[in-house]
PDB file of N, CA and C in Angstrom:
ATOM      1  N   MET A   1      -9.188  25.912  -8.439  1.00  0.00           N
ATOM      2  CA  MET A   1      -8.014  26.088  -7.530  1.00  0.00           C
ATOM      3  C   MET A   1      -7.639  24.877  -6.620  1.00  0.00           C
ATOM      4  N   LEU A   2      -6.795  24.661  -6.954  1.00  0.00           N
ATOM      5  CA  LEU A   2      -6.317  23.384  -5.202  1.00  0.00           C
ATOM      6  C   LEU A   2      -6.692  23.814  -4.167  1.00  0.00           C
ATOM      7  N   GLY A   3      -7.090  22.597  -3.438  1.00  0.00           N
ATOM      8  CA  GLY A   3      -7.699  22.746  -1.793  1.00  0.00           C
ATOM      9  C   GLY A   3      -6.813  22.976  -1.340  1.00  0.00           C
ATOM     10  N   ASN A   4      -6.714  23.599   0.002  1.00  0.00           N
ATOM     11  CA  ASN A   4      -6.166  23.101   1.255  1.00  0.00           C
ATOM     12  C   ASN A   4      -5.884  21.744   1.455  1.00  0.00           C
ATOM     13  N   PHE A   5      -4.997  21.535   1.887  1.00  0.00           N
ATOM     14  CA  PHE A   5      -4.215  19.747   2.453  1.00  0.00           C
ATOM     15  C   PHE A   5      -3.286  19.165   3.026  1.00  0.00           C
ATOM     16  N   THR A   6      -3.249  18.047   3.375  1.00  0.00           N
ATOM     17  CA  THR A   6      -1.733  17.933   4.157  1.00  0.00           C
ATOM     18  C   THR A   6      -1.769  16.457   4.018  1.00  0.00           C
ATOM     19  N   TYR A   7       0.176  16.389   3.684  1.00  0.00           N
ATOM     20  CA  TYR A   7       0.635  15.288   2.811  1.00  0.00           C
ATOM     21  C   TYR A   7       2.079  14.760   3.454  1.00  0.00           C
ATOM     22  N   CYS A   8       1.613  14.040   4.024  1.00  0.00           N
ATOM     23  CA  CYS A   8       2.479  13.084   5.140  1.00  0.00           C
ATOM     24  C   CYS A   8       3.671  12.016   4.746  1.00  0.00           C
ATOM     25  N   ASN A   9       4.302  12.396   4.785  1.00  0.00           N
ATOM     26  CA  ASN A   9       6.121  10.781   3.776  1.00  0.00           C
ATOM     27  C   ASN A   9       6.942  10.610   3.784  1.00  0.00           C
ATOM     28  N   PRO A  10       6.792   9.835   5.246  1.00  0.00           N
ATOM     29  CA  PRO A  10       7.599   9.468   5.879  1.00  0.00           C
ATOM     30  C   PRO A  10       8.551   8.376   5.135  1.00  0.00           C
ATOM     31  N   THR A  11       9.594   8.327   5.297  1.00  0.00           N
ATOM     32  CA  THR A  11      10.993   7.614   4.367  1.00  0.00           C
ATOM     33  C   THR A  11      11.875   7.057   5.587  1.00  0.00           C
ATOM     34  N   LYS A  12      12.049   5.624   5.215  1.00  0.00           N
ATOM     35  CA  LYS A  12      13.469   5.530   6.435  1.00  0.00           C
ATOM     36  C   LYS A  12      13.833   4.208   5.729  1.00  0.00           C
ATOM     37  N   LEU A  13      14.920   4.808   5.259  1.00  0.00           N
ATOM     38  CA  LEU A  13      15.939   4.555   4.384  1.00  0.00           C
ATOM     39  C   LEU A  13      16.810   3.381   4.691  1.00  0.00           C
ATOM     40  N   TYR A  14      18.096   2.541   5.016  1.00  0.00           N
ATOM     41  CA  TYR A  14      18.589   1.699   5.042  1.00  0.00           C
ATOM     42  C   TYR A  14      19.566   1.691   3.807  1.00  0.00           C
ATOM     43  N   PHE A  15      20.677   1.987   4.576  1.00  0.00           N
ATOM     44  CA  PHE A  15      22.330   1.327   3.301  1.00  0.00           C
ATOM     45  C   PHE A  15      23.178   0.963   3.675  1.00  0.00           C
ATOM     46  N   GLY A  16      24.035   0.103   2.637  1.00  0.00           N
ATOM     47  CA  GLY A  16      25.200  -0.859   3.329  1.00  0.00           C
ATOM     48  C   GLY A  16      24.932  -2.078   3.164  1.00  0.00           C
ATOM     49  N   ASP A  17      26.121  -2.975   3.089  1.00  0.00           N
ATOM     50  CA  ASP A  17      25.433  -4.240   3.169  1.00  0.00           C
ATOM     51  C   ASP A  17      24.819  -5.229   4.038  1.00  0.00           C
ATOM     52  N   GLN A  18      23.789  -5.710   3.190  1.00  0.00           N
ATOM     53  CA  GLN A  18      23.279  -6.934   4.150  1.00  0.00           C
ATOM     54  C   GLN A  18      22.133  -6.427   4.468  1.00  0.00           C
ATOM     55  N   SER A  19      21.454  -4.720   4.095  1.00  0.00           N
ATOM     56  CA  SER A  19      21.203  -3.734   4.361  1.00  0.00           C
ATOM     57  C   SER A  19      19.121  -4.443   4.160  1.00  0.00           C
ATOM     58  N   LEU A  20      18.943  -5.397   2.844  1.00  0.00           N
ATOM     59  CA  LEU A  20      17.706  -6.069   3.226  1.00  0.00           C
ATOM     60  C   LEU A  20      17.277  -7.050   4.094  1.00  0.00           C
ATOM     61  N   HIS A  21      18.508  -7.086   4.557  1.00  0.00           N
ATOM     62  CA  HIS A  21      17.801  -8.281   5.667  1.00  0.00           C
ATOM     63  C   HIS A  21      17.320  -7.369   7.248  1.00  0.00           C
ATOM     64  N   ASN A  22      17.273  -5.755   6.485  1.00  0.00           N
ATOM     65  CA  ASN A  22      16.087  -5.572   7.574  1.00  0.00           C
ATOM     66  C   ASN A  22      13.878  -5.140   7.682  1.00  0.00           C
ATOM     67  N   LEU A  23      14.184  -5.642   5.935  1.00  0.00           N
ATOM     68  CA  LEU A  23      13.354  -5.548   5.679  1.00  0.00           C
ATOM     69  C   LEU A  23      11.885  -7.099   5.919  1.00  0.00           C
ATOM     70  N   SER A  24      12.781  -7.949   6.479  1.00  0.00           N
ATOM     71  CA  SER A  24      11.277  -8.565   7.987  1.00  0.00           C
ATOM     72  C   SER A  24      11.393  -7.939   9.168  1.00  0.00           C
ATOM     73  N   THR A  25      11.962  -7.412   9.691  1.00  0.00           N
ATOM     74  CA  THR A  25      11.487  -6.750  11.109  1.00  0.00           C
ATOM     75  C   THR A  25      11.015  -5.275  10.616  1.00  0.00           C
ATOM     76  N   GLU A  26      11.072  -4.380   9.388  1.00  0.00           N
ATOM     77  CA  GLU A  26      10.527  -3.257   9.342  1.00  0.00           C
ATOM     78  C   GLU A  26       8.922  -3.954   8.978  1.00  0.00           C
ATOM     79  N   LEU A  27       8.334  -4.482   7.537  1.00  0.00           N
ATOM     80  CA  LEU A  27       7.301  -5.638   7.618  1.00  0.00           C
ATOM     81  C   LEU A  27       6.230  -5.818   8.691  1.00  0.00           C
ATOM     82  N   GLU A  28       6.958  -6.251  10.080  1.00  0.00           N
ATOM     83  CA  GLU A  28       6.139  -6.073  11.217  1.00  0.00           C
ATOM     84  C   GLU A  28       5.151  -5.026  11.078  1.00  0.00           C
ATOM     85  N   ASN A  29       5.768  -3.196  11.090  1.00  0.00           N
ATOM     86  CA  ASN A  29       4.820  -2.478  11.557  1.00  0.00           C
ATOM     87  C   ASN A  29       3.761  -2.516  10.483  1.00  0.00           C
ATOM     88  N   TYR A  30       3.205  -3.181   9.628  1.00  0.00           N
ATOM     89  CA  TYR A  30       2.913  -3.203   8.068  1.00  0.00           C
ATOM     90  C   TYR A  30       2.022  -4.262   7.848  1.00  0.00           C
ATOM     91  N   GLY A  31       0.713  -3.567   7.573  1.00  0.00           N
ATOM     92  CA  GLY A  31      -0.472  -5.214   7.188  1.00  0.00           C
ATOM     93  C   GLY A  31       0.388  -5.931   6.119  1.00  0.00           C
ATOM     94  N   SER A  32      -0.993  -6.760   5.581  1.00  0.00           N
ATOM     95  CA  SER A  32      -0.585  -7.977   5.193  1.00  0.00           C
ATOM     96  C   SER A  32       0.024  -7.632   3.089  1.00  0.00           C
ATOM     97  N   ASN A  33      -0.811  -6.640   2.657  1.00  0.00           N
ATOM     98  CA  ASN A  33      -0.648  -6.364   1.258  1.00  0.00           C
ATOM     99  C   ASN A  33       0.411  -5.431   1.236  1.00  0.00           C
ATOM    100  N   ILE A  34       0.821  -5.993   0.093  1.00  0.00           N
ATOM    101  CA  ILE A  34       2.503  -5.581  -1.045  1.00  0.00           C
ATOM    102  C   ILE A  34       2.187  -5.202  -2.263  1.00  0.00           C
ATOM    103  N   LEU A  35       2.591  -3.820  -2.490  1.00  0.00           N
ATOM    104  CA  LEU A  35       2.628  -3.496  -4.014  1.00  0.00           C
ATOM    105  C   LEU A  35       4.128  -3.348  -4.075  1.00  0.00           C
ATOM    106  N   LEU A  36       4.709  -4.076  -4.829  1.00  0.00           N
ATOM    107  CA  LEU A  36       5.848  -3.746  -4.975  1.00  0.00           C
ATOM    108  C   LEU A  36       5.809  -3.624  -6.526  1.00  0.00           C
ATOM    109  N   VAL A  37       6.658  -2.814  -7.019  1.00  0.00           N
ATOM    110  CA  VAL A  37       6.643  -1.619  -8.120  1.00  0.00           C
ATOM    111  C   VAL A  37       8.192  -1.665  -8.159  1.00  0.00           C
ATOM    112  N   TYR A  38       8.046  -1.507  -9.600  1.00  0.00           N
ATOM    113  CA  TYR A  38       9.621  -1.552 -10.197  1.00  0.00           C
ATOM    114  C   TYR A  38       9.927  -1.437 -11.877  1.00  0.00           C
ATOM    115  N   GLY A  39      10.705  -1.137 -12.069  1.00  0.00           N
ATOM    116  CA  GLY A  39      10.995  -1.068 -13.570  1.00  0.00           C
ATOM    117  C   GLY A  39      11.520  -1.552 -14.435  1.00  0.00           C
ATOM    118  N   GLY A  40      13.041  -2.102 -15.091  1.00  0.00           N
ATOM    119  CA  GLY A  40      13.749  -3.160 -15.907  1.00  0.00           C
ATOM    120  C   GLY A  40      14.430  -3.575 -15.322  1.00  0.00           C
ATOM    121  N   GLY A  41      14.858  -4.906 -16.222  1.00  0.00           N
ATOM    122  CA  GLY A  41      14.733  -6.235 -15.922  1.00  0.00           C
ATOM    123  C   GLY A  41      16.289  -6.234 -14.494  1.00  0.00           C
ATOM    124  N   SER A  42      16.957  -5.334 -14.272  1.00  0.00           N
ATOM    125  CA  SER A  42      18.630  -4.912 -13.885  1.00  0.00           C
ATOM    126  C   SER A  42      17.710  -5.737 -12.577  1.00  0.00           C
ATOM    127  N   ILE A  43      16.157  -5.577 -11.458  1.00  0.00           N
ATOM    128  CA  ILE A  43      16.344  -6.015  -9.676  1.00  0.00           C
ATOM    129  C   ILE A  43      16.064  -7.126  -9.862  1.00  0.00           C
ATOM    130  N   LYS A  44      16.146  -7.603 -11.686  1.00  0.00           N
ATOM    131  CA  LYS A  44      16.471  -9.785 -11.323  1.00  0.00           C
ATOM    132  C   LYS A  44      17.402  -9.720 -12.158  1.00  0.00           C
ATOM    133  N   LYS A  45      18.085  -8.604 -12.627  1.00  0.00           N
ATOM    134  CA  LYS A  45      19.068  -9.859 -12.703  1.00  0.00           C
ATOM    135  C   LYS A  45      20.289 -10.023 -11.657  1.00  0.00           C
ATOM    136  N   ASN A  46      19.580  -8.660 -11.207  1.00  0.00           N
ATOM    137  CA  ASN A  46      21.246  -8.502 -10.000  1.00  0.00           C
ATOM    138  C   ASN A  46      20.683  -9.672  -8.760  1.00  0.00           C
ATOM    139  N   GLY A  47      19.175 -10.192  -8.277  1.00  0.00           N
ATOM    140  CA  GLY A  47      18.623 -11.196  -7.389  1.00  0.00           C
ATOM    141  C   GLY A  47      18.375 -10.264  -6.533  1.00  0.00           C
ATOM    142  N   ILE A  48      18.152  -9.194  -6.617  1.00  0.00           N
ATOM    143  CA  ILE A  48      17.433  -8.323  -5.595  1.00  0.00           C
ATOM    144  C   ILE A  48      16.058  -9.497  -5.360  1.00  0.00           C
ATOM    145  N   TYR A  49      15.108  -8.805  -6.755  1.00  0.00           N
ATOM    146  CA  TYR A  49      14.122  -9.063  -6.562  1.00  0.00           C
ATOM    147  C   TYR A  49      13.723 -10.978  -6.150  1.00  0.00           C
ATOM    148  N   ASP A  50      14.231 -12.075  -6.338  1.00  0.00           N
ATOM    149  CA  ASP A  50      13.852 -13.020  -5.713  1.00  0.00           C
ATOM    150  C   ASP A  50      14.267 -12.776  -4.160  1.00  0.00           C
ATOM    151  N   GLU A  51      15.269 -11.743  -3.968  1.00  0.00           N
ATOM    152  CA  GLU A  51      15.462 -11.651  -2.124  1.00  0.00           C
ATOM    153  C   GLU A  51      14.274 -11.443  -1.435  1.00  0.00           C
ATOM    154  N   VAL A  52      13.759 -10.557  -2.456  1.00  0.00           N
ATOM    155  CA  VAL A  52      12.648  -9.711  -1.369  1.00  0.00           C
ATOM    156  C   VAL A  52      11.760 -10.828  -1.610  1.00  0.00           C
ATOM    157  N   ILE A  53      10.948 -10.900  -2.618  1.00  0.00           N
ATOM    158  CA  ILE A  53       9.710 -11.993  -2.927  1.00  0.00           C
ATOM    159  C   ILE A  53      10.098 -13.224  -2.076  1.00  0.00           C
ATOM    160  N   ASN A  54      11.281 -13.861  -1.151  1.00  0.00           N
ATOM    161  CA  ASN A  54      11.003 -15.180  -0.706  1.00  0.00           C
ATOM    162  C   ASN A  54      11.231 -14.323   0.774  1.00  0.00           C
ATOM    163  N   ILE A  55      11.551 -12.789   0.907  1.00  0.00           N
ATOM    164  CA  ILE A  55      11.593 -12.176   2.411  1.00  0.00           C
ATOM    165  C   ILE A  55       9.935 -12.353   2.638  1.00  0.00           C
ATOM    166  N   LEU A  56       9.259 -11.469   1.728  1.00  0.00           N
ATOM    167  CA  LEU A  56       7.664 -11.336   1.103  1.00  0.00           C
ATOM    168  C   LEU A  56       7.340 -12.598   1.502  1.00  0.00           C
ATOM    169  N   LYS A  57       7.598 -13.668   1.184  1.00  0.00           N
ATOM    170  CA  LYS A  57       6.691 -15.037   1.071  1.00  0.00           C
ATOM    171  C   LYS A  57       6.437 -15.625   2.621  1.00  0.00           C
ATOM    172  N   ASP A  58       7.942 -15.169   3.229  1.00  0.00           N
ATOM    173  CA  ASP A  58       8.562 -16.123   4.194  1.00  0.00           C
ATOM    174  C   ASP A  58       7.483 -15.458   5.687  1.00  0.00           C
ATOM    175  N   SER A  59       6.790 -13.769   4.844  1.00  0.00           N
ATOM    176  CA  SER A  59       6.607 -13.079   5.796  1.00  0.00           C
ATOM    177  C   SER A  59       4.897 -12.909   5.248  1.00  0.00           C
ATOM    178  N   GLY A  60       4.688 -14.196   4.961  1.00  0.00           N
ATOM    179  CA  GLY A  60       2.699 -14.782   4.777  1.00  0.00           C
ATOM    180  C   GLY A  60       2.272 -13.038   4.085  1.00  0.00           C
ATOM    181  N   LYS A  61       3.172 -12.225   3.734  1.00  0.00           N
ATOM    182  CA  LYS A  61       2.761 -10.926   3.009  1.00  0.00           C
ATOM    183  C   LYS A  61       1.994 -11.577   1.934  1.00  0.00           C
ATOM    184  N   ASN A  62       0.513 -10.843   1.037  1.00  0.00           N
ATOM    185  CA  ASN A  62      -0.031 -11.468  -0.492  1.00  0.00           C
ATOM    186  C   ASN A  62       0.639  -9.887  -1.011  1.00  0.00           C
ATOM    187  N   ILE A  63       1.093 -10.526  -2.096  1.00  0.00           N
ATOM    188  CA  ILE A  63       1.953  -9.482  -3.212  1.00  0.00           C
ATOM    189  C   ILE A  63       1.642  -9.099  -4.189  1.00  0.00           C
ATOM    190  N   ALA A  64       0.751  -7.629  -4.959  1.00  0.00           N
ATOM    191  CA  ALA A  64       1.008  -7.711  -5.843  1.00  0.00           C
ATOM    192  C   ALA A  64       1.629  -6.558  -6.440  1.00  0.00           C
ATOM    193  N   GLU A  65       1.885  -6.751  -7.961  1.00  0.00           N
ATOM    194  CA  GLU A  65       3.320  -5.994  -8.590  1.00  0.00           C
ATOM    195  C   GLU A  65       3.554  -4.751  -9.961  1.00  0.00           C
ATOM    196  N   ILE A  66       3.309  -4.163 -10.278  1.00  0.00           N
ATOM    197  CA  ILE A  66       3.450  -3.706 -11.441  1.00  0.00           C
ATOM    198  C   ILE A  66       5.238  -3.436 -12.053  1.00  0.00           C
ATOM    199  N   PRO A  67       5.265  -3.973 -12.823  1.00  0.00           N
ATOM    200  CA  PRO A  67       6.625  -4.305 -13.265  1.00  0.00           C
ATOM    201  C   PRO A  67       6.640  -3.692 -14.386  1.00  0.00           C
ATOM    202  N   GLY A  68       8.286  -3.276 -15.088  1.00  0.00           N
ATOM    203  CA  GLY A  68       7.853  -2.657 -16.293  1.00  0.00           C
ATOM    204  C   GLY A  68       8.158  -1.056 -16.267  1.00  0.00           C
ATOM    205  N   VAL A  69       7.824  -0.652 -14.795  1.00  0.00           N
ATOM    206  CA  VAL A  69       7.257   0.848 -14.789  1.00  0.00           C
ATOM    207  C   VAL A  69       8.648   2.025 -15.070  1.00  0.00           C
ATOM    208  N   MET A  70       8.298   2.600 -16.030  1.00  0.00           N
ATOM    209  CA  MET A  70       9.604   4.088 -16.544  1.00  0.00           C
ATOM    210  C   MET A  70       9.280   5.089 -15.637  1.00  0.00           C
ATOM    211  N   PRO A  71      11.156   5.323 -15.343  1.00  0.00           N
ATOM    212  CA  PRO A  71      11.107   6.561 -14.792  1.00  0.00           C
ATOM    213  C   PRO A  71      10.330   7.412 -15.612  1.00  0.00           C
ATOM    214  N   ASN A  72      10.530   8.762 -14.582  1.00  0.00           N
ATOM    215  CA  ASN A  72      10.334   9.797 -14.763  1.00  0.00           C
ATOM    216  C   ASN A  72      11.236  10.875 -13.875  1.00  0.00           C
ATOM    217  N   PRO A  73      11.758  11.459 -14.925  1.00  0.00           N
ATOM    218  CA  PRO A  73      12.048  11.625 -16.433  1.00  0.00           C
ATOM    219  C   PRO A  73      12.676  10.369 -16.884  1.00  0.00           C
ATOM    220  N   THR A  74      12.601  10.301 -17.977  1.00  0.00           N
ATOM    221  CA  THR A  74      13.557   8.908 -18.563  1.00  0.00           C
ATOM    222  C   THR A  74      14.512   9.770 -19.015  1.00  0.00           C
ATOM    223  N   ILE A  75      16.046   8.637 -18.935  1.00  0.00           N
ATOM    224  CA  ILE A  75      17.414   9.081 -19.200  1.00  0.00           C
ATOM    225  C   ILE A  75      17.736   8.511 -20.298  1.00  0.00           C
TER     226      ILE A  75
END
């Protein structure tokens, strides 16, 4: 049987054009290690990947990546 536990997962979402510009400000609230998890190639095809990597590097973050993650459930 599963014991008692608490799970807290606060999430802040930005919507709209230029939302990615908030990333560097948000990064100031966290440590120096970033885990970037993404699926197929769309993040690279649409250019978001390069933008995010540049922001992370400019912020002096250590980046670890897990690419190719399959969605669950798959569509």
